[in-house]
PDB file of all heavy atoms in Angstrom:
ATOM      1  N   LEU A   1       8.989 -23.208  -3.844  1.00  0.00           N
ATOM      2  CA  LEU A   1       9.680 -24.174  -4.696  1.00  0.00           C
ATOM      3  C   LEU A   1       9.921 -25.502  -3.977  1.00  0.00           C
ATOM      4  O   LEU A   1       9.769 -26.560  -4.584  1.00  0.00           O
ATOM      5  CB  LEU A   1      10.988 -23.587  -5.204  1.00  0.00           C
ATOM      6  CG  LEU A   1      10.840 -22.372  -6.122  1.00  0.00           C
ATOM      7  CD1 LEU A   1      12.203 -21.829  -6.509  1.00  0.00           C
ATOM      8  CD2 LEU A   1       9.998 -22.688  -7.338  1.00  0.00           C
ATOM      9  N   THR A   2      10.294 -25.464  -2.692  1.00  0.00           N
ATOM     10  CA  THR A   2      10.506 -26.746  -1.996  1.00  0.00           C
ATOM     11  C   THR A   2       9.208 -27.531  -1.912  1.00  0.00           C
ATOM     12  O   THR A   2       9.214 -28.748  -2.065  1.00  0.00           O
ATOM     13  CB  THR A   2      11.116 -26.572  -0.581  1.00  0.00           C
ATOM     14  OG1 THR A   2      10.257 -25.775   0.230  1.00  0.00           O
ATOM     15  CG2 THR A   2      12.521 -26.001  -0.629  1.00  0.00           C
ATOM     16  N   ARG A   3       8.095 -26.837  -1.677  1.00  0.00           N
ATOM     17  CA  ARG A   3       6.793 -27.530  -1.663  1.00  0.00           C
ATOM     18  C   ARG A   3       6.520 -28.195  -3.012  1.00  0.00           C
ATOM     19  O   ARG A   3       6.063 -29.333  -3.078  1.00  0.00           O
ATOM     20  CB  ARG A   3       5.658 -26.561  -1.324  1.00  0.00           C
ATOM     21  CG  ARG A   3       5.444 -26.341   0.148  1.00  0.00           C
ATOM     22  CD  ARG A   3       4.136 -25.608   0.446  1.00  0.00           C
ATOM     23  NE  ARG A   3       4.002 -24.341  -0.273  1.00  0.00           N
ATOM     24  CZ  ARG A   3       4.445 -23.176   0.172  1.00  0.00           C
ATOM     25  NH1 ARG A   3       5.063 -23.090   1.329  1.00  0.00           N
ATOM     26  NH2 ARG A   3       4.266 -22.084  -0.531  1.00  0.00           N
ATOM     27  N   SER A   4       6.798 -27.471  -4.087  1.00  0.00           N
ATOM     28  CA  SER A   4       6.581 -28.027  -5.434  1.00  0.00           C
ATOM     29  C   SER A   4       7.473 -29.233  -5.683  1.00  0.00           C
ATOM     30  O   SER A   4       7.030 -30.228  -6.272  1.00  0.00           O
ATOM     31  CB  SER A   4       6.852 -26.961  -6.500  1.00  0.00           C
ATOM     32  OG  SER A   4       5.889 -25.946  -6.441  1.00  0.00           O
ATOM     33  N   ILE A   5       8.726 -29.142  -5.251  1.00  0.00           N
ATOM     34  CA  ILE A   5       9.657 -30.253  -5.443  1.00  0.00           C
ATOM     35  C   ILE A   5       9.188 -31.478  -4.665  1.00  0.00           C
ATOM     36  O   ILE A   5       9.127 -32.587  -5.200  1.00  0.00           O
ATOM     37  CB  ILE A   5      11.084 -29.852  -5.043  1.00  0.00           C
ATOM     38  CG1 ILE A   5      11.637 -28.784  -5.991  1.00  0.00           C
ATOM     39  CG2 ILE A   5      12.006 -31.082  -5.017  1.00  0.00           C
ATOM     40  CD1 ILE A   5      12.903 -28.097  -5.499  1.00  0.00           C
ATOM     41  N   VAL A   6       8.855 -31.278  -3.393  1.00  0.00           N
ATOM     42  CA  VAL A   6       8.413 -32.403  -2.570  1.00  0.00           C
ATOM     43  C   VAL A   6       7.129 -33.004  -3.138  1.00  0.00           C
ATOM     44  O   VAL A   6       6.987 -34.232  -3.200  1.00  0.00           O
ATOM     45  CB  VAL A   6       8.251 -31.983  -1.089  1.00  0.00           C
ATOM     46  CG1 VAL A   6       7.553 -33.061  -0.274  1.00  0.00           C
ATOM     47  CG2 VAL A   6       9.620 -31.659  -0.489  1.00  0.00           C
ATOM     48  N   ASP A   7       6.203 -32.159  -3.593  1.00  0.00           N
ATOM     49  CA  ASP A   7       4.967 -32.670  -4.209  1.00  0.00           C
ATOM     50  C   ASP A   7       5.289 -33.490  -5.459  1.00  0.00           C
ATOM     51  O   ASP A   7       4.706 -34.548  -5.679  1.00  0.00           O
ATOM     52  CB  ASP A   7       4.021 -31.524  -4.570  1.00  0.00           C
ATOM     53  CG  ASP A   7       3.380 -30.875  -3.363  1.00  0.00           C
ATOM     54  OD1 ASP A   7       3.483 -31.434  -2.247  1.00  0.00           O
ATOM     55  OD2 ASP A   7       2.791 -29.784  -3.533  1.00  0.00           O
ATOM     56  N   GLN A   8       6.234 -33.007  -6.276  1.00  0.00           N
ATOM     57  CA  GLN A   8       6.640 -33.730  -7.492  1.00  0.00           C
ATOM     58  C   GLN A   8       7.238 -35.088  -7.126  1.00  0.00           C
ATOM     59  O   GLN A   8       6.913 -36.098  -7.732  1.00  0.00           O
ATOM     60  CB  GLN A   8       7.656 -32.901  -8.290  1.00  0.00           C
ATOM     61  CG  GLN A   8       8.353 -33.612  -9.420  1.00  0.00           C
ATOM     62  CD  GLN A   8       7.493 -33.793 -10.663  1.00  0.00           C
ATOM     63  OE1 GLN A   8       6.412 -33.226 -10.752  1.00  0.00           O
ATOM     64  NE2 GLN A   8       7.951 -34.587 -11.591  1.00  0.00           N
ATOM     65  N   LEU A   9       8.114 -35.096  -6.137  1.00  0.00           N
ATOM     66  CA  LEU A   9       8.751 -36.345  -5.725  1.00  0.00           C
ATOM     67  C   LEU A   9       7.723 -37.333  -5.172  1.00  0.00           C
ATOM     68  O   LEU A   9       7.734 -38.514  -5.516  1.00  0.00           O
ATOM     69  CB  LEU A   9       9.825 -36.077  -4.670  1.00  0.00           C
ATOM     70  CG  LEU A   9      10.974 -35.153  -5.058  1.00  0.00           C
ATOM     71  CD1 LEU A   9      11.935 -35.008  -3.882  1.00  0.00           C
ATOM     72  CD2 LEU A   9      11.692 -35.625  -6.292  1.00  0.00           C
ATOM     73  N   ALA A  10       6.840 -36.841  -4.317  1.00  0.00           N
ATOM     74  CA  ALA A  10       5.842 -37.716  -3.701  1.00  0.00           C
ATOM     75  C   ALA A  10       4.866 -38.259  -4.743  1.00  0.00           C
ATOM     76  O   ALA A  10       4.499 -39.438  -4.706  1.00  0.00           O
ATOM     77  CB  ALA A  10       5.103 -36.966  -2.598  1.00  0.00           C
ATOM     78  N   SER A  11       4.458 -37.418  -5.689  1.00  0.00           N
ATOM     79  CA  SER A  11       3.502 -37.877  -6.707  1.00  0.00           C
ATOM     80  C   SER A  11       4.142 -38.856  -7.682  1.00  0.00           C
ATOM     81  O   SER A  11       3.443 -39.644  -8.320  1.00  0.00           O
ATOM     82  CB  SER A  11       2.917 -36.688  -7.470  1.00  0.00           C
ATOM     83  OG  SER A  11       3.896 -36.094  -8.306  1.00  0.00           O
ATOM     84  N   SER A  12       5.449 -38.819  -7.783  1.00  0.00           N
ATOM     85  CA  SER A  12       6.169 -39.756  -8.658  1.00  0.00           C
ATOM     86  C   SER A  12       6.575 -41.015  -7.907  1.00  0.00           C
ATOM     87  O   SER A  12       7.327 -41.825  -8.434  1.00  0.00           O
ATOM     88  CB  SER A  12       7.414 -39.084  -9.224  1.00  0.00           C
ATOM     89  OG  SER A  12       7.074 -37.952  -9.961  1.00  0.00           O
ATOM     90  N   ASN A  13       6.097 -41.143  -6.674  1.00  0.00           N
ATOM     91  CA  ASN A  13       6.423 -42.288  -5.818  1.00  0.00           C
ATOM     92  C   ASN A  13       7.917 -42.412  -5.550  1.00  0.00           C
ATOM     93  O   ASN A  13       8.429 -43.502  -5.378  1.00  0.00           O
ATOM     94  CB  ASN A  13       5.867 -43.590  -6.407  1.00  0.00           C
ATOM     95  CG  ASN A  13       4.366 -43.578  -6.439  1.00  0.00           C
ATOM     96  OD1 ASN A  13       3.739 -43.125  -5.496  1.00  0.00           O
ATOM     97  ND2 ASN A  13       3.801 -44.036  -7.525  1.00  0.00           N
ATOM     98  N   TRP A  14       8.619 -41.285  -5.516  1.00  0.00           N
ATOM     99  CA  TRP A  14      10.039 -41.315  -5.171  1.00  0.00           C
ATOM    100  C   TRP A  14      10.204 -41.455  -3.671  1.00  0.00           C
ATOM    101  O   TRP A  14      11.229 -41.887  -3.201  1.00  0.00           O
ATOM    102  CB  TRP A  14      10.737 -40.039  -5.581  1.00  0.00           C
ATOM    103  CG  TRP A  14      10.812 -39.772  -7.034  1.00  0.00           C
ATOM    104  CD1 TRP A  14      10.130 -40.372  -8.043  1.00  0.00           C
ATOM    105  CD2 TRP A  14      11.631 -38.796  -7.649  1.00  0.00           C
ATOM    106  NE1 TRP A  14      10.469 -39.819  -9.238  1.00  0.00           N
ATOM    107  CE2 TRP A  14      11.388 -38.850  -9.029  1.00  0.00           C
ATOM    108  CE3 TRP A  14      12.538 -37.865  -7.166  1.00  0.00           C
ATOM    109  CZ2 TRP A  14      12.021 -38.025  -9.923  1.00  0.00           C
ATOM    110  CZ3 TRP A  14      13.170 -37.044  -8.061  1.00  0.00           C
ATOM    111  CH2 TRP A  14      12.924 -37.121  -9.423  1.00  0.00           C
ATOM    112  N   GLY A  15       9.222 -40.997  -2.947  1.00  0.00           N
ATOM    113  CA  GLY A  15       9.372 -40.990  -1.499  1.00  0.00           C
ATOM    114  C   GLY A  15       8.177 -41.585  -0.798  1.00  0.00           C
ATOM    115  O   GLY A  15       7.044 -41.223  -1.080  1.00  0.00           O
ATOM    116  N   ALA A  16       8.433 -42.509   0.066  1.00  0.00           N
ATOM    117  CA  ALA A  16       7.362 -43.114   0.845  1.00  0.00           C
ATOM    118  C   ALA A  16       7.026 -42.235   2.041  1.00  0.00           C
ATOM    119  O   ALA A  16       5.899 -42.193   2.495  1.00  0.00           O
ATOM    120  CB  ALA A  16       7.769 -44.505   1.308  1.00  0.00           C
ATOM    121  N   SER A  17       8.020 -41.507   2.558  1.00  0.00           N
ATOM    122  CA  SER A  17       7.764 -40.648   3.713  1.00  0.00           C
ATOM    123  C   SER A  17       8.542 -39.345   3.562  1.00  0.00           C
ATOM    124  O   SER A  17       9.570 -39.291   2.900  1.00  0.00           O
ATOM    125  CB  SER A  17       8.166 -41.352   5.009  1.00  0.00           C
ATOM    126  OG  SER A  17       9.557 -41.562   5.045  1.00  0.00           O
ATOM    127  N   VAL A  18       7.998 -38.308   4.186  1.00  0.00           N
ATOM    128  CA  VAL A  18       8.617 -36.985   4.131  1.00  0.00           C
ATOM    129  C   VAL A  18       8.801 -36.490   5.560  1.00  0.00           C
ATOM    130  O   VAL A  18       7.855 -36.471   6.348  1.00  0.00           O
ATOM    131  CB  VAL A  18       7.751 -35.978   3.348  1.00  0.00           C
ATOM    132  CG1 VAL A  18       8.384 -34.592   3.367  1.00  0.00           C
ATOM    133  CG2 VAL A  18       7.517 -36.449   1.916  1.00  0.00           C
ATOM    134  N   ALA A  19      10.018 -36.101   5.891  1.00  0.00           N
ATOM    135  CA  ALA A  19      10.305 -35.436   7.158  1.00  0.00           C
ATOM    136  C   ALA A  19      10.573 -33.968   6.833  1.00  0.00           C
ATOM    137  O   ALA A  19      11.325 -33.671   5.901  1.00  0.00           O
ATOM    138  CB  ALA A  19      11.525 -36.059   7.826  1.00  0.00           C
ATOM    139  N   HIS A  20       9.940 -33.057   7.555  1.00  0.00           N
ATOM    140  CA  HIS A  20      10.100 -31.627   7.283  1.00  0.00           C
ATOM    141  C   HIS A  20      10.767 -30.958   8.474  1.00  0.00           C
ATOM    142  O   HIS A  20      10.374 -31.181   9.620  1.00  0.00           O
ATOM    143  CB  HIS A  20       8.735 -30.983   7.017  1.00  0.00           C
ATOM    144  CG  HIS A  20       8.815 -29.541   6.655  1.00  0.00           C
ATOM    145  ND1 HIS A  20       8.153 -28.566   7.353  1.00  0.00           N
ATOM    146  CD2 HIS A  20       9.491 -28.896   5.673  1.00  0.00           C
ATOM    147  CE1 HIS A  20       8.405 -27.382   6.813  1.00  0.00           C
ATOM    148  NE2 HIS A  20       9.217 -27.566   5.792  1.00  0.00           N
ATOM    149  N   ARG A  21      11.767 -30.155   8.184  1.00  0.00           N
ATOM    150  CA  ARG A  21      12.436 -29.367   9.222  1.00  0.00           C
ATOM    151  C   ARG A  21      12.409 -27.917   8.765  1.00  0.00           C
ATOM    152  O   ARG A  21      12.960 -27.584   7.715  1.00  0.00           O
ATOM    153  CB  ARG A  21      13.865 -29.838   9.446  1.00  0.00           C
ATOM    154  CG  ARG A  21      14.573 -29.072  10.575  1.00  0.00           C
ATOM    155  CD  ARG A  21      15.951 -29.616  10.866  1.00  0.00           C
ATOM    156  NE  ARG A  21      15.914 -30.839  11.623  1.00  0.00           N
ATOM    157  CZ  ARG A  21      15.863 -30.907  12.956  1.00  0.00           C
ATOM    158  NH1 ARG A  21      15.802 -29.806  13.672  1.00  0.00           N
ATOM    159  NH2 ARG A  21      15.868 -32.080  13.560  1.00  0.00           N
ATOM    160  N   ASP A  22      11.774 -27.055   9.553  1.00  0.00           N
ATOM    161  CA  ASP A  22      11.679 -25.634   9.253  1.00  0.00           C
ATOM    162  C   ASP A  22      12.675 -24.904  10.149  1.00  0.00           C
ATOM    163  O   ASP A  22      12.435 -24.726  11.350  1.00  0.00           O
ATOM    164  CB  ASP A  22      10.251 -25.149   9.500  1.00  0.00           C
ATOM    165  CG  ASP A  22      10.033 -23.724   9.045  1.00  0.00           C
ATOM    166  OD1 ASP A  22      11.000 -22.928   9.034  1.00  0.00           O
ATOM    167  OD2 ASP A  22       8.884 -23.399   8.697  1.00  0.00           O
ATOM    168  N   LEU A  23      13.773 -24.492   9.561  1.00  0.00           N
ATOM    169  CA  LEU A  23      14.864 -23.890  10.324  1.00  0.00           C
ATOM    170  C   LEU A  23      14.579 -22.451  10.741  1.00  0.00           C
ATOM    171  O   LEU A  23      15.271 -21.927  11.614  1.00  0.00           O
ATOM    172  CB  LEU A  23      16.157 -23.957   9.517  1.00  0.00           C
ATOM    173  CG  LEU A  23      16.621 -25.365   9.169  1.00  0.00           C
ATOM    174  CD1 LEU A  23      17.792 -25.323   8.192  1.00  0.00           C
ATOM    175  CD2 LEU A  23      16.992 -26.138  10.427  1.00  0.00           C
ATOM    176  N   ALA A  24      13.568 -21.819  10.141  1.00  0.00           N
ATOM    177  CA  ALA A  24      13.176 -20.472  10.575  1.00  0.00           C
ATOM    178  C   ALA A  24      12.199 -20.560  11.744  1.00  0.00           C
ATOM    179  O   ALA A  24      12.313 -19.801  12.703  1.00  0.00           O
ATOM    180  CB  ALA A  24      12.570 -19.689   9.422  1.00  0.00           C
ATOM    181  N   ALA A  25      11.260 -21.491  11.679  1.00  0.00           N
ATOM    182  CA  ALA A  25      10.274 -21.650  12.752  1.00  0.00           C
ATOM    183  C   ALA A  25      10.894 -22.289  13.997  1.00  0.00           C
ATOM    184  O   ALA A  25      10.499 -21.983  15.119  1.00  0.00           O
ATOM    185  CB  ALA A  25       9.098 -22.490  12.268  1.00  0.00           C
ATOM    186  N   ALA A  26      11.836 -23.194  13.793  1.00  0.00           N
ATOM    187  CA  ALA A  26      12.509 -23.878  14.902  1.00  0.00           C
ATOM    188  C   ALA A  26      14.015 -23.856  14.632  1.00  0.00           C
ATOM    189  O   ALA A  26      14.607 -24.867  14.257  1.00  0.00           O
ATOM    190  CB  ALA A  26      12.004 -25.311  15.035  1.00  0.00           C
ATOM    191  N   PRO A  27      14.633 -22.680  14.822  1.00  0.00           N
ATOM    192  CA  PRO A  27      16.056 -22.558  14.476  1.00  0.00           C
ATOM    193  C   PRO A  27      16.954 -23.377  15.395  1.00  0.00           C
ATOM    194  O   PRO A  27      16.667 -23.548  16.581  1.00  0.00           O
ATOM    195  CB  PRO A  27      16.341 -21.065  14.629  1.00  0.00           C
ATOM    196  CG  PRO A  27      15.232 -20.510  15.444  1.00  0.00           C
ATOM    197  CD  PRO A  27      14.067 -21.434  15.318  1.00  0.00           C
ATOM    198  N   LEU A  28      17.999 -23.875  14.794  1.00  0.00           N
ATOM    199  CA  LEU A  28      19.037 -24.551  15.569  1.00  0.00           C
ATOM    200  C   LEU A  28      19.969 -23.478  16.118  1.00  0.00           C
ATOM    201  O   LEU A  28      20.253 -22.498  15.429  1.00  0.00           O
ATOM    202  CB  LEU A  28      19.834 -25.497  14.672  1.00  0.00           C
ATOM    203  CG  LEU A  28      19.045 -26.647  14.056  1.00  0.00           C
ATOM    204  CD1 LEU A  28      19.853 -27.305  12.945  1.00  0.00           C
ATOM    205  CD2 LEU A  28      18.673 -27.658  15.124  1.00  0.00           C
ATOM    206  N   PRO A  29      20.468 -23.652  17.320  1.00  0.00           N
ATOM    207  CA  PRO A  29      21.434 -22.670  17.822  1.00  0.00           C
ATOM    208  C   PRO A  29      22.743 -22.780  17.037  1.00  0.00           C
ATOM    209  O   PRO A  29      23.010 -23.794  16.399  1.00  0.00           O
ATOM    210  CB  PRO A  29      21.632 -23.072  19.286  1.00  0.00           C
ATOM    211  CG  PRO A  29      21.203 -24.495  19.361  1.00  0.00           C
ATOM    212  CD  PRO A  29      20.194 -24.718  18.274  1.00  0.00           C
ATOM    213  N   HIS A  30      23.525 -21.729  17.094  1.00  0.00           N
ATOM    214  CA  HIS A  30      24.838 -21.802  16.474  1.00  0.00           C
ATOM    215  C   HIS A  30      25.605 -22.952  17.103  1.00  0.00           C
ATOM    216  O   HIS A  30      25.365 -23.346  18.245  1.00  0.00           O
ATOM    217  CB  HIS A  30      25.594 -20.476  16.629  1.00  0.00           C
ATOM    218  CG  HIS A  30      24.995 -19.399  15.795  1.00  0.00           C
ATOM    219  ND1 HIS A  30      25.141 -19.332  14.438  1.00  0.00           N
ATOM    220  CD2 HIS A  30      24.218 -18.345  16.135  1.00  0.00           C
ATOM    221  CE1 HIS A  30      24.494 -18.296  13.959  1.00  0.00           C
ATOM    222  NE2 HIS A  30      23.921 -17.678  14.974  1.00  0.00           N
ATOM    223  N   LEU A  31      26.513 -23.490  16.343  1.00  0.00           N
ATOM    224  CA  LEU A  31      27.212 -24.694  16.757  1.00  0.00           C
ATOM    225  C   LEU A  31      28.092 -24.457  17.988  1.00  0.00           C
ATOM    226  O   LEU A  31      28.843 -23.495  18.060  1.00  0.00           O
ATOM    227  CB  LEU A  31      28.075 -25.207  15.600  1.00  0.00           C
ATOM    228  CG  LEU A  31      28.643 -26.594  15.768  1.00  0.00           C
ATOM    229  CD1 LEU A  31      27.538 -27.629  15.869  1.00  0.00           C
ATOM    230  CD2 LEU A  31      29.544 -26.929  14.588  1.00  0.00           C
ATOM    231  N   THR A  32      27.941 -25.339  18.948  1.00  0.00           N
ATOM    232  CA  THR A  32      28.795 -25.399  20.123  1.00  0.00           C
ATOM    233  C   THR A  32      29.236 -26.848  20.264  1.00  0.00           C
ATOM    234  O   THR A  32      28.682 -27.735  19.608  1.00  0.00           O
ATOM    235  CB  THR A  32      28.039 -24.985  21.403  1.00  0.00           C
ATOM    236  OG1 THR A  32      26.977 -25.920  21.613  1.00  0.00           O
ATOM    237  CG2 THR A  32      27.506 -23.569  21.311  1.00  0.00           C
ATOM    238  N   LEU A  33      30.193 -27.109  21.111  1.00  0.00           N
ATOM    239  CA  LEU A  33      30.638 -28.483  21.321  1.00  0.00           C
ATOM    240  C   LEU A  33      29.487 -29.344  21.837  1.00  0.00           C
ATOM    241  O   LEU A  33      29.298 -30.473  21.382  1.00  0.00           O
ATOM    242  CB  LEU A  33      31.823 -28.524  22.296  1.00  0.00           C
ATOM    243  CG  LEU A  33      32.501 -29.868  22.457  1.00  0.00           C
ATOM    244  CD1 LEU A  33      32.969 -30.414  21.106  1.00  0.00           C
ATOM    245  CD2 LEU A  33      33.661 -29.769  23.429  1.00  0.00           C
TER     246      LEU A  33
END
């Protein structure tokens, strides 16, 4: 669904650029100070 949404937005010229963050492939550690 996110791929479909981003494709819809990009094809409608809503977005000039797309930044992708995959939190499963590159997880952030739990929050620390």
